[in-house]
C-alpha atoms as a PDB file:
ATOM      1  CA  MET A   1     -22.533  -9.972 -15.041  1.00  0.00           C
ATOM      2  CA  ASP A   2     -21.360 -13.487 -14.033  1.00  0.00           C
ATOM      3  CA  GLU A   3     -23.513 -14.758 -11.133  1.00  0.00           C
ATOM      4  CA  GLU A   4     -20.338 -15.746  -9.251  1.00  0.00           C
ATOM      5  CA  THR A   5     -18.843 -12.281  -9.480  1.00  0.00           C
ATOM      6  CA  PRO A   6     -19.811 -10.236  -6.357  1.00  0.00           C
ATOM      7  CA  HIS A   7     -21.214  -6.800  -6.569  1.00  0.00           C
ATOM      8  CA  ILE A   8     -18.479  -4.318  -5.608  1.00  0.00           C
ATOM      9  CA  ASP A   9     -19.060  -1.032  -3.752  1.00  0.00           C
ATOM     10  CA  VAL A  10     -16.646   1.458  -2.341  1.00  0.00           C
ATOM     11  CA  ARG A  11     -17.221   3.907   0.447  1.00  0.00           C
ATOM     12  CA  ALA A  12     -15.167   6.013   2.910  1.00  0.00           C
ATOM     13  CA  VAL A  13     -13.477   4.057   5.677  1.00  0.00           C
ATOM     14  CA  THR A  14     -14.733   4.491   9.310  1.00  0.00           C
ATOM     15  CA  VAL A  15     -13.353   3.258  12.626  1.00  0.00           C
ATOM     16  CA  ASN A  16     -16.305   0.866  12.739  1.00  0.00           C
ATOM     17  CA  ASP A  17     -14.605  -1.050   9.967  1.00  0.00           C
ATOM     18  CA  ALA A  18     -11.715  -2.025  12.208  1.00  0.00           C
ATOM     19  CA  PRO A  19     -13.011  -5.477  13.233  1.00  0.00           C
ATOM     20  CA  ALA A  20     -13.736  -6.527   9.656  1.00  0.00           C
ATOM     21  CA  LEU A  21     -10.370  -5.319   8.431  1.00  0.00           C
ATOM     22  CA  HIS A  22      -8.558  -6.970  11.345  1.00  0.00           C
ATOM     23  CA  GLY A  23     -10.202 -10.248  10.419  1.00  0.00           C
ATOM     24  CA  LEU A  24      -9.287 -10.269   6.726  1.00  0.00           C
ATOM     25  CA  ASP A  25      -6.752 -12.876   5.504  1.00  0.00           C
ATOM     26  CA  TYR A  26      -4.244 -10.858   3.388  1.00  0.00           C
ATOM     27  CA  SER A  27      -1.409 -13.425   3.391  1.00  0.00           C
ATOM     28  CA  PHE A  28       0.256 -14.412   0.104  1.00  0.00           C
ATOM     29  CA  GLU A  29       2.298 -17.294  -1.399  1.00  0.00           C
ATOM     30  CA  THR A  30       4.859 -16.880  -4.171  1.00  0.00           C
ATOM     31  CA  ASP A  31       7.350 -19.085  -6.014  1.00  0.00           C
ATOM     32  CA  ARG A  32       9.452 -16.129  -6.990  1.00  0.00           C
ATOM     33  CA  ILE A  33      10.931 -13.012  -5.449  1.00  0.00           C
ATOM     34  CA  TYR A  34      13.109 -10.125  -6.493  1.00  0.00           C
ATOM     35  CA  THR A  35      16.739 -10.552  -5.377  1.00  0.00           C
ATOM     36  CA  LEU A  36      18.804  -7.456  -4.783  1.00  0.00           C
ATOM     37  CA  ARG A  37      22.252  -7.597  -6.564  1.00  0.00           C
ATOM     38  CA  GLU A  38      25.009  -5.081  -6.276  1.00  0.00           C
ATOM     39  CA  CYS A  39      26.878  -4.727  -9.550  1.00  0.00           C
ATOM     40  CA  ASN A  40      30.164  -3.231 -10.362  1.00  0.00           C
ATOM     41  CA  HIS A  41      30.432  -2.432 -14.046  1.00  0.00           C
ATOM     42  CA  LEU A  42      31.606   0.082 -16.598  1.00  0.00           C
ATOM     43  CA  LEU A  43      29.237   2.971 -17.619  1.00  0.00           C
ATOM     44  CA  ARG A  44      29.499   3.140 -21.342  1.00  0.00           C
ATOM     45  CA  SER A  45      29.852   6.503 -23.100  1.00  0.00           C
ATOM     46  CA  GLU A  46      26.958   7.603 -25.285  1.00  0.00           C
ATOM     47  CA  ASN A  47      29.023   7.542 -28.549  1.00  0.00           C
ATOM     48  CA  GLY A  48      29.945   3.892 -27.965  1.00  0.00           C
ATOM     49  CA  SER A  49      33.681   4.482 -27.625  1.00  0.00           C
ATOM     50  CA  GLY A  50      35.502   2.934 -24.787  1.00  0.00           C
ATOM     51  CA  ALA A  51      37.604   6.036 -24.051  1.00  0.00           C
ATOM     52  CA  GLU A  52      35.123   7.478 -21.658  1.00  0.00           C
ATOM     53  CA  ASN A  53      34.130   4.342 -19.899  1.00  0.00           C
ATOM     54  CA  LYS A  54      33.879   4.948 -16.133  1.00  0.00           C
ATOM     55  CA  PRO A  55      33.400   2.592 -13.275  1.00  0.00           C
ATOM     56  CA  ALA A  56      29.836   2.567 -11.812  1.00  0.00           C
ATOM     57  CA  PHE A  57      28.136   0.993  -8.822  1.00  0.00           C
ATOM     58  CA  ALA A  58      24.584  -0.218  -9.544  1.00  0.00           C
ATOM     59  CA  PHE A  59      21.757  -2.160  -7.873  1.00  0.00           C
ATOM     60  CA  GLU A  60      19.484  -4.630  -9.690  1.00  0.00           C
ATOM     61  CA  LEU A  61      16.355  -6.423  -8.687  1.00  0.00           C
ATOM     62  CA  THR A  62      16.432  -9.804 -10.427  1.00  0.00           C
ATOM     63  CA  GLU A  63      13.494 -12.128 -10.637  1.00  0.00           C
ATOM     64  CA  THR A  64      14.432 -15.289  -8.829  1.00  0.00           C
ATOM     65  CA  LEU A  65      12.623 -18.596  -8.447  1.00  0.00           C
ATOM     66  CA  VAL A  66      12.312 -19.995  -4.952  1.00  0.00           C
ATOM     67  CA  ASP A  67      11.660 -23.599  -3.929  1.00  0.00           C
ATOM     68  CA  PRO A  68       9.839 -24.212  -1.755  1.00  0.00           C
ATOM     69  CA  PRO A  69       7.429 -21.291  -2.368  1.00  0.00           C
ATOM     70  CA  ILE A  70       7.376 -18.521   0.239  1.00  0.00           C
ATOM     71  CA  TYR A  71       4.288 -18.081   2.365  1.00  0.00           C
ATOM     72  CA  LYS A  72       3.897 -14.986   4.399  1.00  0.00           C
ATOM     73  CA  ASN A  73       1.116 -14.420   6.896  1.00  0.00           C
ATOM     74  CA  TYR A  74       0.987 -10.747   7.875  1.00  0.00           C
ATOM     75  CA  ARG A  75      -0.914 -11.713  11.054  1.00  0.00           C
ATOM     76  CA  GLU A  76       2.470 -12.654  12.592  1.00  0.00           C
ATOM     77  CA  TYR A  77       3.413  -8.937  12.460  1.00  0.00           C
ATOM     78  CA  GLU A  78       0.042  -7.142  12.525  1.00  0.00           C
ATOM     79  CA  ASN A  79      -1.270  -4.825  15.230  1.00  0.00           C
ATOM     80  CA  SER A  80      -4.021  -5.635  17.635  1.00  0.00           C
ATOM     81  CA  LEU A  81      -7.645  -4.705  16.930  1.00  0.00           C
ATOM     82  CA  GLU A  82      -7.183  -1.742  19.249  1.00  0.00           C
ATOM     83  CA  ASP A  83      -4.177  -0.565  17.153  1.00  0.00           C
ATOM     84  CA  VAL A  84      -6.202  -0.862  13.982  1.00  0.00           C
ATOM     85  CA  GLU A  85      -9.014   1.233  15.514  1.00  0.00           C
ATOM     86  CA  GLU A  86      -6.525   3.844  16.502  1.00  0.00           C
ATOM     87  CA  GLN A  87      -4.932   3.832  12.953  1.00  0.00           C
ATOM     88  CA  LEU A  88      -8.402   4.417  11.440  1.00  0.00           C
ATOM     89  CA  ARG A  89      -9.248   7.094  14.001  1.00  0.00           C
ATOM     90  CA  GLU A  90      -6.106   9.085  13.323  1.00  0.00           C
ATOM     91  CA  GLY A  91      -5.996   8.415   9.593  1.00  0.00           C
ATOM     92  CA  GLU A  92      -6.457  11.151   7.034  1.00  0.00           C
ATOM     93  CA  GLY A  93      -8.490   9.198   4.534  1.00  0.00           C
ATOM     94  CA  GLY A  94      -9.180   5.886   2.963  1.00  0.00           C
ATOM     95  CA  TYR A  95     -11.746   3.614   1.369  1.00  0.00           C
ATOM     96  CA  ILE A  96     -13.424   0.360   2.084  1.00  0.00           C
ATOM     97  CA  ALA A  97     -14.327  -2.111  -0.659  1.00  0.00           C
ATOM     98  CA  LEU A  98     -17.466  -4.142  -0.144  1.00  0.00           C
ATOM     99  CA  ALA A  99     -18.148  -7.419  -2.012  1.00  0.00           C
ATOM    100  CA  ASN A 100     -21.812  -8.199  -1.747  1.00  0.00           C
ATOM    101  CA  ALA A 101     -21.939  -5.922   1.281  1.00  0.00           C
ATOM    102  CA  GLU A 102     -19.060  -7.748   2.924  1.00  0.00           C
ATOM    103  CA  VAL A 103     -15.734  -5.969   3.728  1.00  0.00           C
ATOM    104  CA  ALA A 104     -13.333  -7.186   1.144  1.00  0.00           C
ATOM    105  CA  GLY A 105     -10.389  -4.714   1.335  1.00  0.00           C
ATOM    106  CA  ALA A 106      -9.267  -1.266   2.020  1.00  0.00           C
ATOM    107  CA  VAL A 107      -6.821   1.490   1.178  1.00  0.00           C
ATOM    108  CA  LEU A 108      -5.505   3.900   3.914  1.00  0.00           C
ATOM    109  CA  LEU A 109      -3.994   7.236   2.900  1.00  0.00           C
ATOM    110  CA  HIS A 110      -1.983  10.045   4.296  1.00  0.00           C
ATOM    111  CA  VAL A 111      -0.609  13.220   2.746  1.00  0.00           C
ATOM    112  CA  GLU A 112       3.096  13.958   3.107  1.00  0.00           C
ATOM    113  CA  GLU A 113       2.840  17.754   3.094  1.00  0.00           C
ATOM    114  CA  TRP A 114       6.427  18.511   2.495  1.00  0.00           C
ATOM    115  CA  ARG A 115       6.561  16.376  -0.598  1.00  0.00           C
ATOM    116  CA  SER A 116       2.968  16.907  -1.692  1.00  0.00           C
ATOM    117  CA  VAL A 117       2.574  13.160  -2.325  1.00  0.00           C
ATOM    118  CA  ALA A 118      -0.189  10.855  -1.102  1.00  0.00           C
ATOM    119  CA  LEU A 119       1.224   7.914   0.884  1.00  0.00           C
ATOM    120  CA  ILE A 120      -0.622   4.628   0.695  1.00  0.00           C
ATOM    121  CA  GLU A 121      -0.161   3.339   4.150  1.00  0.00           C
ATOM    122  CA  ASP A 122      -2.027   0.134   3.544  1.00  0.00           C
ATOM    123  CA  LEU A 123      -3.620  -1.523   0.573  1.00  0.00           C
ATOM    124  CA  ILE A 124      -5.166  -4.843   1.507  1.00  0.00           C
ATOM    125  CA  VAL A 125      -7.638  -7.291  -0.182  1.00  0.00           C
ATOM    126  CA  GLY A 126      -8.689 -10.415   1.519  1.00  0.00           C
ATOM    127  CA  ARG A 127      -7.539 -13.647  -0.261  1.00  0.00           C
ATOM    128  CA  GLN A 128     -11.003 -14.881  -0.955  1.00  0.00           C
ATOM    129  CA  PHE A 129     -11.843 -11.564  -2.751  1.00  0.00           C
ATOM    130  CA  ARG A 130      -8.936 -11.334  -5.096  1.00  0.00           C
ATOM    131  CA  ARG A 131      -9.192 -11.468  -8.878  1.00  0.00           C
ATOM    132  CA  TYR A 132     -12.266  -9.252  -8.933  1.00  0.00           C
ATOM    133  CA  GLY A 133     -10.407  -6.043  -9.651  1.00  0.00           C
ATOM    134  CA  ILE A 134     -10.821  -4.706  -6.053  1.00  0.00           C
ATOM    135  CA  GLY A 135      -7.243  -3.723  -5.616  1.00  0.00           C
ATOM    136  CA  SER A 136      -7.223  -1.696  -8.899  1.00  0.00           C
ATOM    137  CA  LEU A 137     -10.432  -0.092  -7.938  1.00  0.00           C
ATOM    138  CA  LEU A 138      -8.997   0.990  -4.568  1.00  0.00           C
ATOM    139  CA  LEU A 139      -5.796   2.361  -6.379  1.00  0.00           C
ATOM    140  CA  ARG A 140      -8.017   4.492  -8.568  1.00  0.00           C
ATOM    141  CA  CYS A 141      -9.812   5.860  -5.556  1.00  0.00           C
ATOM    142  CA  ALA A 142      -6.450   6.568  -3.948  1.00  0.00           C
ATOM    143  CA  ALA A 143      -5.375   8.508  -7.019  1.00  0.00           C
ATOM    144  CA  ASP A 144      -8.605  10.592  -7.056  1.00  0.00           C
ATOM    145  CA  TRP A 145      -8.225  11.281  -3.318  1.00  0.00           C
ATOM    146  CA  ALA A 146      -4.648  12.439  -3.990  1.00  0.00           C
ATOM    147  CA  ARG A 147      -5.613  14.707  -6.873  1.00  0.00           C
ATOM    148  CA  LYS A 148      -8.205  16.528  -4.712  1.00  0.00           C
ATOM    149  CA  ARG A 149      -5.481  17.327  -2.287  1.00  0.00           C
ATOM    150  CA  ASN A 150      -3.125  18.677  -4.940  1.00  0.00           C
ATOM    151  CA  CYS A 151      -0.689  15.757  -4.676  1.00  0.00           C
ATOM    152  CA  TRP A 152       1.428  15.092  -7.715  1.00  0.00           C
ATOM    153  CA  ALA A 153       1.966  11.340  -7.018  1.00  0.00           C
ATOM    154  CA  ILE A 154       0.926   8.406  -5.019  1.00  0.00           C
ATOM    155  CA  VAL A 155       3.643   6.377  -3.292  1.00  0.00           C
ATOM    156  CA  LEU A 156       3.963   3.183  -1.252  1.00  0.00           C
ATOM    157  CA  GLU A 157       6.383   0.714   0.209  1.00  0.00           C
ATOM    158  CA  THR A 158       6.403  -3.007  -0.324  1.00  0.00           C
ATOM    159  CA  GLN A 159       8.936  -5.776  -0.054  1.00  0.00           C
ATOM    160  CA  ASN A 160      11.155  -7.626  -2.501  1.00  0.00           C
ATOM    161  CA  ILE A 161       9.654 -10.990  -1.501  1.00  0.00           C
ATOM    162  CA  ASN A 162       6.136  -9.720  -2.208  1.00  0.00           C
ATOM    163  CA  TYR A 163       6.395 -10.524  -5.856  1.00  0.00           C
ATOM    164  CA  PRO A 164       2.548 -10.706  -6.490  1.00  0.00           C
ATOM    165  CA  ALA A 165       2.166  -7.173  -5.032  1.00  0.00           C
ATOM    166  CA  ILE A 166       5.001  -5.720  -7.134  1.00  0.00           C
ATOM    167  CA  GLN A 167       3.548  -7.292 -10.327  1.00  0.00           C
ATOM    168  CA  PHE A 168       0.087  -5.917  -9.384  1.00  0.00           C
ATOM    169  CA  TYR A 169       1.450  -2.424  -8.841  1.00  0.00           C
ATOM    170  CA  LEU A 170       3.350  -2.534 -12.136  1.00  0.00           C
ATOM    171  CA  ARG A 171       0.235  -3.523 -14.032  1.00  0.00           C
ATOM    172  CA  ASN A 172      -1.526  -0.562 -12.512  1.00  0.00           C
ATOM    173  CA  GLY A 173       0.949   1.969 -13.710  1.00  0.00           C
ATOM    174  CA  LEU A 174       3.278   2.260 -10.719  1.00  0.00           C
ATOM    175  CA  GLU A 175       7.033   2.244 -11.072  1.00  0.00           C
ATOM    176  CA  ILE A 176       9.881   1.198  -8.801  1.00  0.00           C
ATOM    177  CA  TRP A 177      11.322   4.558  -7.660  1.00  0.00           C
ATOM    178  CA  SER A 178      13.894   3.392  -5.137  1.00  0.00           C
ATOM    179  CA  ILE A 179      15.098   0.492  -2.947  1.00  0.00           C
ATOM    180  CA  HIS A 180      16.445   0.319   0.539  1.00  0.00           C
ATOM    181  CA  GLN A 181      18.311  -2.807   1.589  1.00  0.00           C
ATOM    182  CA  HIS A 182      18.541  -1.828   5.343  1.00  0.00           C
ATOM    183  CA  PHE A 183      15.071  -0.349   5.860  1.00  0.00           C
ATOM    184  CA  TYR A 184      13.713  -2.963   8.360  1.00  0.00           C
ATOM    185  CA  PRO A 185      15.063  -3.384  11.896  1.00  0.00           C
ATOM    186  CA  PRO A 186      16.957  -6.446  13.170  1.00  0.00           C
ATOM    187  CA  GLY A 187      14.675  -9.430  13.474  1.00  0.00           C
ATOM    188  CA  PRO A 188      12.562 -11.627  11.217  1.00  0.00           C
ATOM    189  CA  LEU A 189      12.140  -8.887   8.542  1.00  0.00           C
ATOM    190  CA  ALA A 190      15.782  -7.749   8.437  1.00  0.00           C
ATOM    191  CA  HIS A 191      16.623  -9.816   5.272  1.00  0.00           C
ATOM    192  CA  GLU A 192      13.837  -8.176   3.230  1.00  0.00           C
ATOM    193  CA  VAL A 193      14.492  -5.275   0.899  1.00  0.00           C
ATOM    194  CA  ALA A 194      12.073  -2.340   0.882  1.00  0.00           C
ATOM    195  CA  VAL A 195      10.745  -1.367  -2.524  1.00  0.00           C
ATOM    196  CA  PHE A 196       9.383   2.004  -2.849  1.00  0.00           C
ATOM    197  CA  MET A 197       6.992   2.504  -5.819  1.00  0.00           C
ATOM    198  CA  GLY A 198       5.087   5.531  -7.133  1.00  0.00           C
ATOM    199  CA  LYS A 199       2.938   6.909  -9.807  1.00  0.00           C
ATOM    200  CA  ARG A 200       2.751  10.350 -11.165  1.00  0.00           C
ATOM    201  CA  LEU A 201      -0.815  11.700 -11.462  1.00  0.00           C
ATOM    202  CA  SER A 202      -1.715  13.038 -14.888  1.00  0.00           C
ATOM    203  CA  SER A 203      -3.519  16.073 -13.439  1.00  0.00           C
ATOM    204  CA  THR A 204      -4.141  17.700 -10.139  1.00  0.00           C
ATOM    205  CA  PRO A 205      -6.653  20.432  -9.234  1.00  0.00           C
ATOM    206  CA  GLU A 206      -5.718  24.055  -9.561  1.00  0.00           C
ATOM    207  CA  GLN A 207      -4.111  25.575  -6.444  1.00  0.00           C
END
């Protein structure tokens, strides 16, 4: 193994991890986003004839370059250390990734019982620990955790401006399942579009 590549371990998250997680820098910068476009068009018939064309209303997420690049620091919106401790104390499950024994990231999980899906409440990797496969490892841990609880999918929410995250999730087998253009309340986040992504699990334990 490359000497510059840290040794990565994963373990269950505990409330004692709150200070280290609260201190991570998980901001991002991007020169492109996904712009939501509402499109009126004709829905073509399967046989190609125009006789059965019907008007349709559709939404598209279009990759768009932005200049200057967008920088988002989640610390502007994050909870206090006490809130993080409470989130970990009340959480159902999750994992901490360690890089050379230093907290590098985490995934926090919750089962939505009525849908039988595992919700990824948070997936964070500190900026200095990216490019080591930590995020992908945490996603695999989340999928295993979900299977053990008979969940048929893992799901999460991100934003249209977080192009790096969307690309990361797509590379790891998640798909865009829905969008919500009025998900966030009035304020600094109101212009962002919520992007809901998910991944069906290939197998779950027997009931």
